[in-house]
Amino acid sequence: MMVRRHHASHGYEHACPPWLGYVIDNRVRRWLTDSEGIVRGYASSGDVVMDFGCGHGMLSMLFARIVGKSGRVYAVDLQDKMLDYTRNRAAQEGHSDVVVTKSTNSSHAGTPMALQTIPNNSVNLVVFNWVLHELPPNYQKEVALILHDQLVKGGRVLVVEPPFHVPAAKFSEELRYFTDAGFKCSIQSPHRMQKIALLVKD
């Protein structure tokens, strides 16, 4: 569920407002989308994972359990309230390996992400779960280039988009920014009609 709303501070017109996170992060939606089931097989113990658009941290907590103390999870979001919720959730669940990182619109802050906190050639997996379509096209292009630097050789980007909200043409456009940045793309089998793609850095 996405709400069209403009946030003047960061320029995202489709960002899910923080209050809606309480509606989205529930057992019914988790069962319907099976997000945890989709992403679970892409991370391993000791990995460094970036949950881009972490929201209330549902997947960040899952990845923290998978990668363990020898790994790390970057929970990235553009909204402070989402990050506060994820930070508190990680503390409550004892996940000291979850690093909360704010994403910003490059037109306002100079760079799309806090690059000083996420070293190049250090990330194994980046996940966009029902998030990528919320980002403006120019931002998607910048993010694809930066992630190509931050991922290790063979590192992967998993993109999962909703079944109806993102038409096939839009999905192809999103993926093209990554292939233009140097990723190889393979469309994965749809899961409950969701669009899924895996992009790999050579």
N, C-alpha and C. Protein backbone atom coordinates (compact mmCIF):
# COMPACT_ATOMS: atom_id res chain seq x y z
N MET A 1 0.84 -1.19 0.00
CA MET A 1 0.00 0.00 0.00
C MET A 1 0.87 1.24 0.00
N MET A 2 0.69 2.09 -0.99
CA MET A 2 1.49 3.29 -1.08
C MET A 2 0.56 4.51 -1.10
N VAL A 3 0.99 5.59 -0.48
CA VAL A 3 0.20 6.81 -0.43
C VAL A 3 0.94 7.90 -1.16
N ARG A 4 0.28 8.52 -2.13
CA ARG A 4 0.90 9.61 -2.87
C ARG A 4 0.88 10.86 -2.01
N ARG A 5 2.05 11.29 -1.60
CA ARG A 5 2.15 12.43 -0.71
C ARG A 5 3.49 13.10 -0.92
N HIS A 6 3.52 14.41 -0.93
CA HIS A 6 4.77 15.13 -1.16
C HIS A 6 5.40 15.52 0.16
N HIS A 7 6.67 15.18 0.32
CA HIS A 7 7.44 15.59 1.48
C HIS A 7 8.46 16.62 1.01
N ALA A 8 8.19 17.87 1.29
CA ALA A 8 9.01 18.95 0.74
C ALA A 8 10.45 18.87 1.20
N SER A 9 10.68 18.29 2.37
CA SER A 9 12.04 18.28 2.90
C SER A 9 12.98 17.38 2.14
N HIS A 10 12.44 16.37 1.46
CA HIS A 10 13.33 15.47 0.75
C HIS A 10 12.93 15.23 -0.69
N GLY A 11 11.78 15.76 -1.13
CA GLY A 11 11.44 15.72 -2.53
C GLY A 11 10.83 14.42 -3.02
N TYR A 12 10.49 13.49 -2.14
CA TYR A 12 9.88 12.24 -2.55
C TYR A 12 8.38 12.40 -2.52
N GLU A 13 7.74 12.14 -3.67
CA GLU A 13 6.30 12.35 -3.74
C GLU A 13 5.51 11.11 -3.36
N HIS A 14 6.13 9.93 -3.33
CA HIS A 14 5.39 8.71 -3.10
C HIS A 14 5.82 8.00 -1.83
N ALA A 15 6.58 8.65 -0.97
CA ALA A 15 7.09 7.99 0.21
C ALA A 15 5.96 7.61 1.16
N CYS A 16 6.04 6.41 1.67
CA CYS A 16 5.07 5.95 2.65
C CYS A 16 5.24 6.75 3.92
N PRO A 17 4.20 7.43 4.43
CA PRO A 17 4.34 8.21 5.65
C PRO A 17 4.56 7.30 6.85
N PRO A 18 5.27 7.77 7.88
CA PRO A 18 5.60 6.91 9.02
C PRO A 18 4.40 6.25 9.67
N TRP A 19 3.28 6.96 9.79
CA TRP A 19 2.13 6.38 10.48
C TRP A 19 1.60 5.15 9.76
N LEU A 20 1.80 5.10 8.41
CA LEU A 20 1.29 3.96 7.66
C LEU A 20 2.12 2.71 7.90
N GLY A 21 3.32 2.89 8.42
CA GLY A 21 4.15 1.74 8.73
C GLY A 21 3.49 0.80 9.72
N TYR A 22 2.69 1.35 10.64
CA TYR A 22 2.00 0.50 11.60
C TYR A 22 0.94 -0.36 10.92
N VAL A 23 0.38 0.16 9.83
CA VAL A 23 -0.63 -0.60 9.08
C VAL A 23 0.03 -1.66 8.22
N ILE A 24 1.15 -1.29 7.58
CA ILE A 24 1.82 -2.19 6.65
C ILE A 24 2.51 -3.35 7.37
N ASP A 25 3.14 -3.05 8.51
CA ASP A 25 3.91 -4.06 9.23
C ASP A 25 2.98 -4.86 10.14
N ASN A 26 2.23 -5.76 9.54
CA ASN A 26 1.32 -6.59 10.32
C ASN A 26 1.30 -8.01 9.76
N ARG A 27 0.75 -8.93 10.51
CA ARG A 27 0.81 -10.33 10.14
C ARG A 27 0.08 -10.62 8.83
N VAL A 28 -1.03 -9.95 8.58
CA VAL A 28 -1.81 -10.21 7.37
C VAL A 28 -1.00 -9.82 6.13
N ARG A 29 -0.42 -8.62 6.14
CA ARG A 29 0.37 -8.20 4.99
C ARG A 29 1.61 -9.08 4.82
N ARG A 30 2.24 -9.44 5.93
CA ARG A 30 3.41 -10.30 5.83
C ARG A 30 3.05 -11.64 5.20
N TRP A 31 1.86 -12.15 5.53
CA TRP A 31 1.42 -13.41 4.94
C TRP A 31 1.09 -13.24 3.47
N LEU A 32 0.43 -12.13 3.11
CA LEU A 32 0.03 -11.90 1.73
C LEU A 32 1.24 -11.72 0.81
N THR A 33 2.22 -10.95 1.26
CA THR A 33 3.37 -10.64 0.40
C THR A 33 4.51 -11.63 0.57
N ASP A 34 4.58 -12.27 1.73
CA ASP A 34 5.65 -13.23 2.03
C ASP A 34 7.02 -12.61 1.77
N SER A 35 7.19 -11.36 2.17
CA SER A 35 8.46 -10.67 1.94
C SER A 35 9.63 -11.41 2.58
N GLU A 36 9.41 -11.91 3.80
CA GLU A 36 10.49 -12.61 4.49
C GLU A 36 10.87 -13.88 3.74
N GLY A 37 9.89 -14.58 3.21
CA GLY A 37 10.17 -15.80 2.46
C GLY A 37 10.93 -15.53 1.18
N ILE A 38 10.63 -14.40 0.54
CA ILE A 38 11.30 -14.05 -0.72
C ILE A 38 12.77 -13.73 -0.49
N VAL A 39 13.07 -12.93 0.52
CA VAL A 39 14.44 -12.42 0.69
C VAL A 39 15.33 -13.36 1.49
N ARG A 40 14.74 -14.27 2.23
CA ARG A 40 15.50 -15.08 3.19
C ARG A 40 16.68 -15.81 2.54
N GLY A 41 16.49 -16.34 1.34
CA GLY A 41 17.53 -17.15 0.71
C GLY A 41 18.68 -16.38 0.10
N TYR A 42 18.64 -15.06 0.16
CA TYR A 42 19.68 -14.26 -0.50
C TYR A 42 20.77 -13.79 0.46
N ALA A 43 20.61 -13.99 1.75
CA ALA A 43 21.60 -13.55 2.73
C ALA A 43 22.12 -14.76 3.51
N SER A 44 23.37 -14.64 3.97
CA SER A 44 24.01 -15.72 4.71
C SER A 44 24.72 -15.15 5.94
N SER A 45 25.10 -16.04 6.83
CA SER A 45 25.84 -15.64 8.03
C SER A 45 27.10 -14.89 7.64
N GLY A 46 27.33 -13.77 8.32
CA GLY A 46 28.52 -12.96 8.07
C GLY A 46 28.39 -11.93 6.98
N ASP A 47 27.28 -11.93 6.26
CA ASP A 47 27.07 -10.97 5.18
C ASP A 47 26.87 -9.56 5.70
N VAL A 48 27.11 -8.60 4.81
CA VAL A 48 26.74 -7.21 5.04
C VAL A 48 25.57 -6.91 4.11
N VAL A 49 24.43 -6.55 4.70
CA VAL A 49 23.19 -6.38 3.96
C VAL A 49 22.68 -4.96 4.14
N MET A 50 22.17 -4.38 3.07
CA MET A 50 21.54 -3.06 3.13
C MET A 50 20.04 -3.21 2.84
N ASP A 51 19.23 -2.82 3.81
CA ASP A 51 17.78 -2.81 3.66
C ASP A 51 17.38 -1.39 3.30
N PHE A 52 17.24 -1.14 1.99
CA PHE A 52 17.02 0.23 1.50
C PHE A 52 15.52 0.53 1.54
N GLY A 53 15.14 1.52 2.35
CA GLY A 53 13.73 1.80 2.59
C GLY A 53 13.22 0.87 3.67
N CYS A 54 13.92 0.87 4.80
CA CYS A 54 13.68 -0.13 5.84
C CYS A 54 12.34 0.03 6.54
N GLY A 55 11.76 1.24 6.49
CA GLY A 55 10.48 1.45 7.17
C GLY A 55 10.61 1.16 8.66
N HIS A 56 9.74 0.29 9.16
CA HIS A 56 9.77 -0.06 10.59
C HIS A 56 10.75 -1.18 10.91
N GLY A 57 11.54 -1.58 9.92
CA GLY A 57 12.63 -2.50 10.20
C GLY A 57 12.30 -3.97 10.19
N MET A 58 11.17 -4.35 9.61
CA MET A 58 10.78 -5.76 9.59
C MET A 58 11.87 -6.63 8.96
N LEU A 59 12.31 -6.27 7.75
CA LEU A 59 13.33 -7.06 7.07
C LEU A 59 14.70 -6.85 7.69
N SER A 60 14.96 -5.67 8.21
CA SER A 60 16.25 -5.42 8.86
C SER A 60 16.46 -6.39 10.03
N MET A 61 15.39 -6.63 10.80
CA MET A 61 15.50 -7.54 11.93
C MET A 61 15.70 -8.98 11.44
N LEU A 62 15.02 -9.34 10.35
CA LEU A 62 15.21 -10.67 9.78
C LEU A 62 16.66 -10.85 9.33
N PHE A 63 17.19 -9.87 8.61
CA PHE A 63 18.57 -9.97 8.14
C PHE A 63 19.55 -10.00 9.31
N ALA A 64 19.25 -9.27 10.37
CA ALA A 64 20.14 -9.28 11.53
C ALA A 64 20.22 -10.68 12.13
N ARG A 65 19.11 -11.37 12.15
CA ARG A 65 19.12 -12.74 12.67
C ARG A 65 19.90 -13.68 11.75
N ILE A 66 19.82 -13.43 10.44
CA ILE A 66 20.50 -14.30 9.48
C ILE A 66 22.00 -14.07 9.48
N VAL A 67 22.44 -12.82 9.41
CA VAL A 67 23.87 -12.53 9.27
C VAL A 67 24.61 -12.72 10.59
N GLY A 68 23.91 -12.58 11.70
CA GLY A 68 24.53 -12.81 12.99
C GLY A 68 25.50 -11.72 13.39
N LYS A 69 26.18 -11.95 14.48
CA LYS A 69 27.10 -10.95 15.03
C LYS A 69 28.31 -10.72 14.13
N SER A 70 28.61 -11.68 13.26
CA SER A 70 29.76 -11.51 12.37
C SER A 70 29.41 -10.70 11.13
N GLY A 71 28.12 -10.40 10.93
CA GLY A 71 27.68 -9.61 9.79
C GLY A 71 27.23 -8.23 10.22
N ARG A 72 26.59 -7.56 9.30
CA ARG A 72 26.09 -6.20 9.58
C ARG A 72 24.90 -5.91 8.70
N VAL A 73 23.97 -5.13 9.22
CA VAL A 73 22.79 -4.70 8.46
C VAL A 73 22.72 -3.19 8.48
N TYR A 74 22.69 -2.59 7.30
CA TYR A 74 22.45 -1.16 7.18
C TYR A 74 20.97 -0.95 6.92
N ALA A 75 20.28 -0.35 7.87
CA ALA A 75 18.87 -0.02 7.72
C ALA A 75 18.78 1.41 7.21
N VAL A 76 18.43 1.56 5.94
CA VAL A 76 18.46 2.87 5.28
C VAL A 76 17.04 3.36 5.03
N ASP A 77 16.78 4.59 5.40
CA ASP A 77 15.49 5.20 5.10
C ASP A 77 15.68 6.71 5.06
N LEU A 78 14.71 7.41 4.45
CA LEU A 78 14.84 8.85 4.32
C LEU A 78 14.09 9.60 5.42
N GLN A 79 13.30 8.88 6.21
CA GLN A 79 12.46 9.53 7.21
C GLN A 79 12.95 9.23 8.62
N ASP A 80 13.15 10.28 9.39
CA ASP A 80 13.69 10.14 10.73
C ASP A 80 12.81 9.27 11.63
N LYS A 81 11.49 9.40 11.51
CA LYS A 81 10.60 8.62 12.37
C LYS A 81 10.71 7.13 12.08
N MET A 82 10.86 6.78 10.80
CA MET A 82 11.07 5.38 10.45
C MET A 82 12.37 4.88 11.05
N LEU A 83 13.42 5.69 10.95
CA LEU A 83 14.72 5.29 11.48
C LEU A 83 14.69 5.17 12.99
N ASP A 84 13.97 6.07 13.66
CA ASP A 84 13.86 5.98 15.12
C ASP A 84 13.18 4.68 15.53
N TYR A 85 12.13 4.31 14.81
CA TYR A 85 11.42 3.09 15.12
C TYR A 85 12.33 1.88 14.92
N THR A 86 13.05 1.87 13.81
CA THR A 86 13.95 0.75 13.53
C THR A 86 15.07 0.68 14.56
N ARG A 87 15.61 1.83 14.92
CA ARG A 87 16.69 1.88 15.92
C ARG A 87 16.21 1.31 17.25
N ASN A 88 15.01 1.72 17.68
CA ASN A 88 14.47 1.23 18.95
C ASN A 88 14.16 -0.26 18.87
N ARG A 89 13.66 -0.69 17.73
CA ARG A 89 13.33 -2.10 17.56
C ARG A 89 14.59 -2.96 17.62
N ALA A 90 15.66 -2.50 16.98
CA ALA A 90 16.92 -3.23 17.01
C ALA A 90 17.46 -3.33 18.44
N ALA A 91 17.34 -2.23 19.20
CA ALA A 91 17.82 -2.24 20.58
C ALA A 91 17.01 -3.21 21.44
N GLN A 92 15.69 -3.21 21.24
CA GLN A 92 14.82 -4.09 22.01
C GLN A 92 15.10 -5.56 21.71
N GLU A 93 15.45 -5.85 20.45
CA GLU A 93 15.69 -7.24 20.06
C GLU A 93 17.16 -7.64 20.17
N GLY A 94 18.00 -6.69 20.63
CA GLY A 94 19.39 -7.01 20.89
C GLY A 94 20.26 -7.12 19.64
N HIS A 95 19.90 -6.38 18.59
CA HIS A 95 20.66 -6.45 17.35
C HIS A 95 21.63 -5.27 17.27
N SER A 96 22.77 -5.41 17.89
CA SER A 96 23.76 -4.33 17.88
C SER A 96 24.43 -4.18 16.53
N ASP A 97 24.22 -5.17 15.64
CA ASP A 97 24.84 -5.15 14.32
C ASP A 97 24.00 -4.39 13.29
N VAL A 98 22.87 -3.82 13.70
CA VAL A 98 22.03 -3.02 12.81
C VAL A 98 22.47 -1.57 12.88
N VAL A 99 22.90 -1.03 11.74
CA VAL A 99 23.37 0.36 11.66
C VAL A 99 22.32 1.17 10.92
N VAL A 100 21.71 2.12 11.59
CA VAL A 100 20.67 2.96 11.00
C VAL A 100 21.32 4.10 10.23
N THR A 101 20.95 4.24 8.97
CA THR A 101 21.59 5.22 8.08
C THR A 101 20.52 6.01 7.34
N LYS A 102 20.64 7.32 7.32
CA LYS A 102 19.64 8.14 6.64
C LYS A 102 20.00 8.34 5.18
N SER A 103 19.00 8.13 4.32
CA SER A 103 19.12 8.42 2.90
C SER A 103 18.57 9.81 2.67
N THR A 104 19.20 10.56 1.76
CA THR A 104 18.75 11.92 1.48
C THR A 104 18.65 12.15 -0.01
N ASN A 105 17.84 13.11 -0.38
CA ASN A 105 17.71 13.49 -1.78
C ASN A 105 18.95 14.27 -2.17
N SER A 106 19.61 13.86 -3.25
CA SER A 106 20.87 14.48 -3.63
C SER A 106 20.73 15.96 -3.95
N SER A 107 19.56 16.39 -4.38
CA SER A 107 19.38 17.80 -4.71
C SER A 107 19.40 18.68 -3.47
N HIS A 108 19.23 18.06 -2.30
CA HIS A 108 19.23 18.82 -1.07
C HIS A 108 20.53 18.63 -0.27
N ALA A 109 21.09 17.43 -0.32
CA ALA A 109 22.18 17.13 0.60
C ALA A 109 23.49 16.77 -0.09
N GLY A 110 23.55 16.82 -1.41
CA GLY A 110 24.81 16.59 -2.08
C GLY A 110 25.07 15.17 -2.48
N THR A 111 24.69 14.18 -1.66
CA THR A 111 24.87 12.77 -2.00
C THR A 111 23.62 12.01 -1.58
N PRO A 112 23.26 10.97 -2.32
CA PRO A 112 22.06 10.21 -1.97
C PRO A 112 22.15 9.44 -0.67
N MET A 113 23.33 9.11 -0.21
CA MET A 113 23.45 8.35 1.03
C MET A 113 24.65 8.83 1.82
N ALA A 114 24.65 8.46 3.08
CA ALA A 114 25.79 8.80 3.93
C ALA A 114 26.94 7.87 3.59
N LEU A 115 27.67 8.19 2.54
CA LEU A 115 28.69 7.29 2.03
C LEU A 115 29.81 7.04 3.04
N GLN A 116 30.02 7.98 3.93
CA GLN A 116 31.10 7.80 4.89
C GLN A 116 30.82 6.65 5.84
N THR A 117 29.57 6.24 5.98
CA THR A 117 29.23 5.16 6.90
C THR A 117 29.10 3.81 6.19
N ILE A 118 29.09 3.82 4.85
CA ILE A 118 28.98 2.58 4.09
C ILE A 118 30.14 2.52 3.11
N PRO A 119 31.20 1.83 3.47
CA PRO A 119 32.40 1.80 2.63
C PRO A 119 32.16 1.14 1.28
N ASN A 120 32.92 1.54 0.29
CA ASN A 120 32.88 0.88 -1.01
C ASN A 120 33.38 -0.56 -0.90
N ASN A 121 32.90 -1.41 -1.79
CA ASN A 121 33.32 -2.81 -1.85
C ASN A 121 33.14 -3.53 -0.51
N SER A 122 32.02 -3.26 0.15
CA SER A 122 31.81 -3.85 1.47
C SER A 122 30.46 -4.55 1.63
N VAL A 123 29.53 -4.31 0.72
CA VAL A 123 28.15 -4.81 0.89
C VAL A 123 27.93 -6.03 0.01
N ASN A 124 27.31 -7.05 0.59
CA ASN A 124 27.01 -8.27 -0.16
C ASN A 124 25.65 -8.25 -0.83
N LEU A 125 24.68 -7.63 -0.18
CA LEU A 125 23.30 -7.66 -0.67
C LEU A 125 22.59 -6.36 -0.34
N VAL A 126 21.86 -5.83 -1.33
CA VAL A 126 20.98 -4.68 -1.13
C VAL A 126 19.57 -5.11 -1.51
N VAL A 127 18.60 -4.79 -0.67
CA VAL A 127 17.21 -5.17 -0.93
C VAL A 127 16.33 -3.93 -0.99
N PHE A 128 15.57 -3.82 -2.08
CA PHE A 128 14.51 -2.82 -2.22
C PHE A 128 13.19 -3.59 -2.21
N ASN A 129 12.48 -3.58 -1.12
CA ASN A 129 11.23 -4.31 -1.01
C ASN A 129 10.05 -3.35 -1.05
N TRP A 130 9.37 -3.28 -2.21
CA TRP A 130 8.24 -2.37 -2.41
C TRP A 130 8.66 -0.92 -2.15
N VAL A 131 9.85 -0.55 -2.62
CA VAL A 131 10.41 0.76 -2.30
C VAL A 131 10.87 1.52 -3.54
N LEU A 132 11.47 0.83 -4.50
CA LEU A 132 12.18 1.52 -5.57
C LEU A 132 11.28 2.49 -6.34
N HIS A 133 10.02 2.15 -6.53
CA HIS A 133 9.12 3.01 -7.29
C HIS A 133 8.83 4.32 -6.57
N GLU A 134 9.14 4.40 -5.27
CA GLU A 134 8.92 5.64 -4.52
C GLU A 134 9.99 6.69 -4.80
N LEU A 135 11.11 6.26 -5.36
CA LEU A 135 12.23 7.18 -5.57
C LEU A 135 12.11 7.87 -6.92
N PRO A 136 12.41 9.17 -7.00
CA PRO A 136 12.41 9.87 -8.29
C PRO A 136 13.42 9.25 -9.24
N PRO A 137 13.17 9.28 -10.54
CA PRO A 137 14.07 8.65 -11.51
C PRO A 137 15.52 9.11 -11.39
N ASN A 138 15.75 10.41 -11.22
CA ASN A 138 17.13 10.89 -11.14
C ASN A 138 17.84 10.33 -9.91
N TYR A 139 17.09 10.11 -8.86
CA TYR A 139 17.64 9.55 -7.62
C TYR A 139 17.95 8.06 -7.82
N GLN A 140 17.05 7.35 -8.50
CA GLN A 140 17.29 5.94 -8.78
C GLN A 140 18.60 5.76 -9.55
N LYS A 141 18.83 6.63 -10.51
CA LYS A 141 20.05 6.54 -11.31
C LYS A 141 21.28 6.74 -10.46
N GLU A 142 21.26 7.74 -9.57
CA GLU A 142 22.40 8.01 -8.70
C GLU A 142 22.64 6.85 -7.73
N VAL A 143 21.55 6.34 -7.18
CA VAL A 143 21.66 5.25 -6.22
C VAL A 143 22.26 4.01 -6.88
N ALA A 144 21.85 3.71 -8.11
CA ALA A 144 22.39 2.54 -8.81
C ALA A 144 23.89 2.66 -8.98
N LEU A 145 24.37 3.83 -9.33
CA LEU A 145 25.81 4.04 -9.51
C LEU A 145 26.56 3.89 -8.19
N ILE A 146 26.01 4.45 -7.13
CA ILE A 146 26.67 4.39 -5.84
C ILE A 146 26.69 2.95 -5.29
N LEU A 147 25.57 2.25 -5.45
CA LEU A 147 25.52 0.88 -4.97
C LEU A 147 26.51 -0.01 -5.72
N HIS A 148 26.74 0.30 -6.98
CA HIS A 148 27.71 -0.49 -7.74
C HIS A 148 29.10 -0.36 -7.12
N ASP A 149 29.40 0.81 -6.58
CA ASP A 149 30.68 1.01 -5.90
C ASP A 149 30.70 0.33 -4.53
N GLN A 150 29.58 0.37 -3.84
CA GLN A 150 29.55 -0.12 -2.46
C GLN A 150 29.48 -1.64 -2.36
N LEU A 151 28.94 -2.28 -3.39
CA LEU A 151 28.84 -3.73 -3.38
C LEU A 151 30.19 -4.39 -3.68
N VAL A 152 30.41 -5.56 -3.10
CA VAL A 152 31.59 -6.36 -3.42
C VAL A 152 31.40 -6.96 -4.81
N LYS A 153 32.47 -7.47 -5.39
CA LYS A 153 32.36 -8.18 -6.66
C LYS A 153 31.44 -9.39 -6.47
N GLY A 154 30.45 -9.52 -7.32
CA GLY A 154 29.46 -10.57 -7.17
C GLY A 154 28.32 -10.20 -6.24
N GLY A 155 28.38 -8.98 -5.68
CA GLY A 155 27.31 -8.51 -4.81
C GLY A 155 26.00 -8.37 -5.58
N ARG A 156 24.89 -8.45 -4.86
CA ARG A 156 23.59 -8.52 -5.51
C ARG A 156 22.63 -7.45 -5.00
N VAL A 157 21.73 -7.05 -5.89
CA VAL A 157 20.63 -6.14 -5.55
C VAL A 157 19.34 -6.89 -5.85
N LEU A 158 18.50 -7.05 -4.85
CA LEU A 158 17.21 -7.70 -5.02
C LEU A 158 16.12 -6.64 -5.03
N VAL A 159 15.37 -6.59 -6.12
CA VAL A 159 14.27 -5.62 -6.26
C VAL A 159 12.96 -6.37 -6.26
N VAL A 160 12.09 -6.03 -5.33
CA VAL A 160 10.74 -6.61 -5.26
C VAL A 160 9.74 -5.46 -5.34
N GLU A 161 8.85 -5.51 -6.32
CA GLU A 161 7.86 -4.45 -6.50
C GLU A 161 6.45 -5.03 -6.46
N PRO A 162 5.47 -4.21 -6.05
CA PRO A 162 4.09 -4.70 -5.94
C PRO A 162 3.51 -5.08 -7.29
N PRO A 163 2.50 -5.94 -7.30
CA PRO A 163 2.00 -6.51 -8.56
C PRO A 163 1.27 -5.53 -9.47
N PHE A 164 0.51 -4.61 -8.91
CA PHE A 164 -0.32 -3.73 -9.74
C PHE A 164 0.15 -2.28 -9.73
N HIS A 165 0.76 -1.87 -8.63
CA HIS A 165 1.15 -0.48 -8.48
C HIS A 165 2.26 -0.09 -9.45
N VAL A 166 3.10 -1.06 -9.82
CA VAL A 166 4.22 -0.81 -10.73
C VAL A 166 4.00 -1.62 -12.01
N PRO A 167 3.60 -0.97 -13.09
CA PRO A 167 3.39 -1.70 -14.36
C PRO A 167 4.70 -2.21 -14.93
N ALA A 168 4.62 -3.12 -15.89
CA ALA A 168 5.81 -3.76 -16.45
C ALA A 168 6.78 -2.74 -17.05
N ALA A 169 6.25 -1.72 -17.73
CA ALA A 169 7.11 -0.71 -18.35
C ALA A 169 7.89 0.07 -17.29
N LYS A 170 7.24 0.39 -16.20
CA LYS A 170 7.90 1.11 -15.11
C LYS A 170 8.97 0.24 -14.48
N PHE A 171 8.67 -1.03 -14.30
CA PHE A 171 9.63 -1.95 -13.72
C PHE A 171 10.88 -2.06 -14.60
N SER A 172 10.68 -2.14 -15.89
CA SER A 172 11.80 -2.21 -16.83
C SER A 172 12.65 -0.95 -16.77
N GLU A 173 11.99 0.19 -16.63
CA GLU A 173 12.71 1.46 -16.52
C GLU A 173 13.57 1.49 -15.27
N GLU A 174 13.01 1.02 -14.15
CA GLU A 174 13.76 0.99 -12.90
C GLU A 174 15.02 0.13 -13.05
N LEU A 175 14.87 -1.02 -13.68
CA LEU A 175 15.99 -1.95 -13.82
C LEU A 175 17.05 -1.42 -14.77
N ARG A 176 16.62 -0.62 -15.74
CA ARG A 176 17.57 -0.09 -16.72
C ARG A 176 18.62 0.81 -16.06
N TYR A 177 18.25 1.53 -15.01
CA TYR A 177 19.22 2.36 -14.31
C TYR A 177 20.35 1.50 -13.73
N PHE A 178 20.01 0.31 -13.30
CA PHE A 178 21.02 -0.58 -12.73
C PHE A 178 21.87 -1.22 -13.82
N THR A 179 21.26 -1.64 -14.90
CA THR A 179 22.05 -2.22 -15.98
C THR A 179 22.97 -1.16 -16.60
N ASP A 180 22.49 0.08 -16.68
CA ASP A 180 23.34 1.16 -17.18
C ASP A 180 24.52 1.40 -16.25
N ALA A 181 24.34 1.10 -14.96
CA ALA A 181 25.41 1.29 -13.98
C ALA A 181 26.40 0.13 -13.97
N GLY A 182 26.10 -0.93 -14.73
CA GLY A 182 27.04 -2.04 -14.84
C GLY A 182 26.57 -3.35 -14.24
N PHE A 183 25.32 -3.41 -13.78
CA PHE A 183 24.79 -4.64 -13.22
C PHE A 183 24.26 -5.56 -14.32
N LYS A 184 24.34 -6.86 -14.07
CA LYS A 184 23.65 -7.83 -14.90
C LYS A 184 22.33 -8.17 -14.24
N CYS A 185 21.27 -8.26 -15.04
CA CYS A 185 19.93 -8.42 -14.49
C CYS A 185 19.31 -9.75 -14.92
N SER A 186 18.64 -10.39 -13.98
CA SER A 186 17.83 -11.56 -14.31
C SER A 186 16.48 -11.40 -13.62
N ILE A 187 15.41 -11.54 -14.39
CA ILE A 187 14.07 -11.45 -13.83
C ILE A 187 13.76 -12.77 -13.14
N GLN A 188 13.37 -12.68 -11.89
CA GLN A 188 13.05 -13.88 -11.12
C GLN A 188 11.58 -14.26 -11.31
N SER A 189 11.25 -15.48 -10.97
CA SER A 189 9.86 -15.93 -11.07
C SER A 189 8.98 -15.09 -10.17
N PRO A 190 7.83 -14.63 -10.67
CA PRO A 190 6.93 -13.84 -9.82
C PRO A 190 6.49 -14.65 -8.60
N HIS A 191 6.31 -13.96 -7.49
CA HIS A 191 5.84 -14.60 -6.27
C HIS A 191 4.58 -13.88 -5.82
N ARG A 192 3.46 -14.57 -5.89
CA ARG A 192 2.17 -13.94 -5.58
C ARG A 192 2.00 -12.66 -6.38
N MET A 193 2.39 -12.74 -7.64
CA MET A 193 2.24 -11.69 -8.65
C MET A 193 3.19 -10.51 -8.46
N GLN A 194 4.02 -10.53 -7.43
CA GLN A 194 5.00 -9.47 -7.26
C GLN A 194 6.10 -9.57 -8.32
N LYS A 195 6.61 -8.43 -8.73
CA LYS A 195 7.70 -8.39 -9.71
C LYS A 195 9.03 -8.47 -8.96
N ILE A 196 9.90 -9.38 -9.40
CA ILE A 196 11.15 -9.62 -8.70
C ILE A 196 12.30 -9.67 -9.69
N ALA A 197 13.36 -8.96 -9.38
CA ALA A 197 14.56 -8.98 -10.23
C ALA A 197 15.79 -9.06 -9.35
N LEU A 198 16.80 -9.76 -9.84
CA LEU A 198 18.08 -9.85 -9.17
C LEU A 198 19.15 -9.25 -10.07
N LEU A 199 19.89 -8.28 -9.53
CA LEU A 199 20.94 -7.60 -10.27
C LEU A 199 22.27 -7.93 -9.62
N VAL A 200 23.27 -8.27 -10.44
CA VAL A 200 24.55 -8.74 -9.92
C VAL A 200 25.67 -7.85 -10.44
N LYS A 201 26.58 -7.49 -9.54
CA LYS A 201 27.78 -6.75 -9.92
C LYS A 201 28.86 -7.73 -10.36
N ASP A 202 29.36 -7.57 -11.57
CA ASP A 202 30.42 -8.45 -12.07
C ASP A 202 31.72 -8.21 -11.31
